[in-house]
Amino acid sequence: MRHLLRMAAHSPRTNMHARNLAIVWAPNLLRSKDIEATGFNGTAAFMEVRVQSIVVEFILTHVEQLF
């Protein structure tokens, strides 16, 4: 998480701020067995990934307090 936070510090040049990093990394960091097992698609899968990205964004914006 600290590494992703360091990457976010370069967002003026890369446009990879905490929200974009969360969208990219959330499915890998918070893999959902439910999505894989039930074969969610469409809206259900989108909503699950959205929740994952919100959680990862929260963690990234509060790294110092959490870790």
N, C-alpha and C. Protein backbone atom coordinates (compact mmCIF):
# COMPACT_ATOMS: atom_id res chain seq x y z
N MET A 1 0.82 -1.19 0.00
CA MET A 1 0.00 0.00 0.00
C MET A 1 0.86 1.26 0.00
N ARG A 2 1.96 1.21 0.73
CA ARG A 2 2.84 2.39 0.74
C ARG A 2 3.43 2.63 -0.65
N HIS A 3 3.72 1.56 -1.36
CA HIS A 3 4.25 1.71 -2.72
C HIS A 3 3.21 2.38 -3.61
N LEU A 4 1.95 1.94 -3.52
CA LEU A 4 0.90 2.57 -4.32
C LEU A 4 0.72 4.03 -3.92
N LEU A 5 0.88 4.33 -2.65
CA LEU A 5 0.80 5.71 -2.20
C LEU A 5 1.93 6.54 -2.82
N ARG A 6 3.13 5.97 -2.90
CA ARG A 6 4.25 6.68 -3.56
C ARG A 6 3.93 6.90 -5.04
N MET A 7 3.30 5.92 -5.65
CA MET A 7 2.91 6.09 -7.06
C MET A 7 1.88 7.22 -7.20
N ALA A 8 0.95 7.29 -6.27
CA ALA A 8 -0.07 8.34 -6.30
C ALA A 8 0.55 9.72 -6.15
N ALA A 9 1.68 9.81 -5.47
CA ALA A 9 2.36 11.10 -5.29
C ALA A 9 2.82 11.68 -6.63
N HIS A 10 2.95 10.84 -7.64
CA HIS A 10 3.37 11.29 -8.98
C HIS A 10 2.18 11.54 -9.89
N SER A 11 0.99 11.62 -9.33
CA SER A 11 -0.22 11.75 -10.14
C SER A 11 -0.27 13.00 -11.03
N PRO A 12 0.38 14.11 -10.65
CA PRO A 12 0.34 15.24 -11.59
C PRO A 12 0.95 14.90 -12.96
N ARG A 13 1.92 14.00 -12.97
CA ARG A 13 2.55 13.60 -14.24
C ARG A 13 1.89 12.37 -14.85
N THR A 14 1.41 11.46 -14.01
CA THR A 14 0.94 10.17 -14.51
C THR A 14 -0.58 10.03 -14.55
N ASN A 15 -1.29 10.92 -13.86
CA ASN A 15 -2.74 10.86 -13.70
C ASN A 15 -3.19 9.58 -12.99
N MET A 16 -2.30 8.95 -12.25
CA MET A 16 -2.64 7.76 -11.49
C MET A 16 -2.75 8.14 -10.02
N HIS A 17 -3.82 8.87 -9.71
CA HIS A 17 -4.07 9.25 -8.32
C HIS A 17 -4.71 8.07 -7.60
N ALA A 18 -5.02 8.23 -6.34
CA ALA A 18 -5.50 7.11 -5.51
C ALA A 18 -6.72 6.43 -6.13
N ARG A 19 -7.65 7.19 -6.68
CA ARG A 19 -8.86 6.58 -7.25
C ARG A 19 -8.52 5.70 -8.45
N ASN A 20 -7.68 6.19 -9.36
CA ASN A 20 -7.31 5.38 -10.52
C ASN A 20 -6.51 4.15 -10.12
N LEU A 21 -5.60 4.30 -9.18
CA LEU A 21 -4.85 3.14 -8.70
C LEU A 21 -5.78 2.12 -8.06
N ALA A 22 -6.75 2.60 -7.32
CA ALA A 22 -7.71 1.70 -6.67
C ALA A 22 -8.52 0.92 -7.71
N ILE A 23 -8.95 1.59 -8.76
CA ILE A 23 -9.72 0.92 -9.81
C ILE A 23 -8.89 -0.18 -10.46
N VAL A 24 -7.62 0.09 -10.70
CA VAL A 24 -6.76 -0.89 -11.37
C VAL A 24 -6.39 -2.04 -10.44
N TRP A 25 -6.05 -1.73 -9.20
CA TRP A 25 -5.51 -2.75 -8.29
C TRP A 25 -6.55 -3.48 -7.45
N ALA A 26 -7.72 -2.91 -7.25
CA ALA A 26 -8.73 -3.51 -6.37
C ALA A 26 -9.09 -4.95 -6.74
N PRO A 27 -9.34 -5.27 -8.00
CA PRO A 27 -9.70 -6.66 -8.31
C PRO A 27 -8.60 -7.67 -7.97
N ASN A 28 -7.35 -7.22 -7.97
CA ASN A 28 -6.25 -8.11 -7.62
C ASN A 28 -6.04 -8.19 -6.11
N LEU A 29 -6.18 -7.06 -5.44
CA LEU A 29 -5.94 -7.02 -4.00
C LEU A 29 -7.10 -7.62 -3.21
N LEU A 30 -8.30 -7.46 -3.70
CA LEU A 30 -9.49 -7.93 -3.00
C LEU A 30 -10.29 -8.88 -3.89
N ARG A 31 -9.63 -9.90 -4.36
CA ARG A 31 -10.28 -10.85 -5.27
C ARG A 31 -11.53 -11.43 -4.62
N SER A 32 -12.60 -11.47 -5.37
CA SER A 32 -13.87 -11.97 -4.86
C SER A 32 -14.13 -13.38 -5.36
N LYS A 33 -14.16 -14.30 -4.44
CA LYS A 33 -14.48 -15.69 -4.79
C LYS A 33 -15.92 -15.80 -5.28
N ASP A 34 -16.81 -14.92 -4.78
CA ASP A 34 -18.21 -14.93 -5.21
C ASP A 34 -18.33 -14.67 -6.70
N ILE A 35 -17.60 -13.68 -7.19
CA ILE A 35 -17.66 -13.37 -8.61
C ILE A 35 -17.15 -14.55 -9.43
N GLU A 36 -16.04 -15.13 -9.00
CA GLU A 36 -15.47 -16.25 -9.74
C GLU A 36 -16.36 -17.48 -9.68
N ALA A 37 -16.91 -17.78 -8.52
CA ALA A 37 -17.70 -19.00 -8.33
C ALA A 37 -19.05 -18.94 -9.04
N THR A 38 -19.72 -17.80 -8.96
CA THR A 38 -21.06 -17.72 -9.52
C THR A 38 -21.07 -17.18 -10.94
N GLY A 39 -19.93 -16.73 -11.41
CA GLY A 39 -19.88 -16.20 -12.77
C GLY A 39 -20.67 -14.92 -12.94
N PHE A 40 -20.63 -14.05 -11.91
CA PHE A 40 -21.32 -12.76 -12.02
C PHE A 40 -20.92 -12.09 -13.32
N ASN A 41 -21.85 -11.42 -13.92
CA ASN A 41 -21.52 -10.61 -15.07
C ASN A 41 -22.41 -9.38 -15.06
N GLY A 42 -22.12 -8.46 -15.89
CA GLY A 42 -22.94 -7.26 -15.99
C GLY A 42 -22.94 -6.40 -14.75
N THR A 43 -24.11 -6.00 -14.34
CA THR A 43 -24.28 -5.04 -13.25
C THR A 43 -23.77 -5.58 -11.92
N ALA A 44 -24.02 -6.85 -11.62
CA ALA A 44 -23.59 -7.41 -10.33
C ALA A 44 -22.07 -7.39 -10.21
N ALA A 45 -21.38 -7.78 -11.26
CA ALA A 45 -19.91 -7.77 -11.23
C ALA A 45 -19.39 -6.35 -11.12
N PHE A 46 -20.00 -5.43 -11.85
CA PHE A 46 -19.58 -4.03 -11.79
C PHE A 46 -19.73 -3.47 -10.38
N MET A 47 -20.84 -3.78 -9.73
CA MET A 47 -21.07 -3.28 -8.38
C MET A 47 -20.06 -3.87 -7.39
N GLU A 48 -19.73 -5.13 -7.55
CA GLU A 48 -18.74 -5.77 -6.67
C GLU A 48 -17.38 -5.11 -6.83
N VAL A 49 -16.96 -4.89 -8.06
CA VAL A 49 -15.67 -4.24 -8.32
C VAL A 49 -15.70 -2.81 -7.82
N ARG A 50 -16.82 -2.15 -7.93
CA ARG A 50 -16.94 -0.77 -7.43
C ARG A 50 -16.71 -0.72 -5.93
N VAL A 51 -17.30 -1.64 -5.20
CA VAL A 51 -17.11 -1.70 -3.74
C VAL A 51 -15.63 -1.97 -3.44
N GLN A 52 -15.03 -2.89 -4.16
CA GLN A 52 -13.61 -3.19 -3.95
C GLN A 52 -12.76 -1.95 -4.17
N SER A 53 -13.03 -1.20 -5.23
CA SER A 53 -12.20 -0.03 -5.51
C SER A 53 -12.41 1.06 -4.46
N ILE A 54 -13.61 1.19 -3.93
CA ILE A 54 -13.85 2.17 -2.86
C ILE A 54 -13.05 1.80 -1.61
N VAL A 55 -13.01 0.53 -1.28
CA VAL A 55 -12.25 0.07 -0.11
C VAL A 55 -10.76 0.33 -0.31
N VAL A 56 -10.23 0.00 -1.47
CA VAL A 56 -8.80 0.21 -1.73
C VAL A 56 -8.48 1.70 -1.75
N GLU A 57 -9.34 2.52 -2.32
CA GLU A 57 -9.11 3.97 -2.30
C GLU A 57 -9.08 4.49 -0.87
N PHE A 58 -10.00 4.02 -0.04
CA PHE A 58 -10.02 4.42 1.37
C PHE A 58 -8.70 4.04 2.05
N ILE A 59 -8.24 2.83 1.82
CA ILE A 59 -6.98 2.37 2.42
C ILE A 59 -5.83 3.26 1.95
N LEU A 60 -5.79 3.55 0.64
CA LEU A 60 -4.70 4.37 0.11
C LEU A 60 -4.71 5.78 0.69
N THR A 61 -5.88 6.33 0.91
CA THR A 61 -5.93 7.70 1.43
C THR A 61 -5.70 7.76 2.94
N HIS A 62 -5.68 6.59 3.60
CA HIS A 62 -5.48 6.55 5.04
C HIS A 62 -4.33 5.60 5.44
N VAL A 63 -3.36 5.44 4.57
CA VAL A 63 -2.26 4.50 4.82
C VAL A 63 -1.57 4.81 6.15
N GLU A 64 -1.26 6.06 6.37
CA GLU A 64 -0.51 6.42 7.58
C GLU A 64 -1.28 6.08 8.86
N GLN A 65 -2.58 6.28 8.85
CA GLN A 65 -3.38 5.97 10.04
C GLN A 65 -3.57 4.46 10.21
N LEU A 66 -3.70 3.73 9.11
CA LEU A 66 -3.97 2.30 9.18
C LEU A 66 -2.72 1.46 9.43
N PHE A 67 -1.60 1.90 8.86
CA PHE A 67 -0.38 1.10 8.98
C PHE A 67 0.67 1.89 9.74
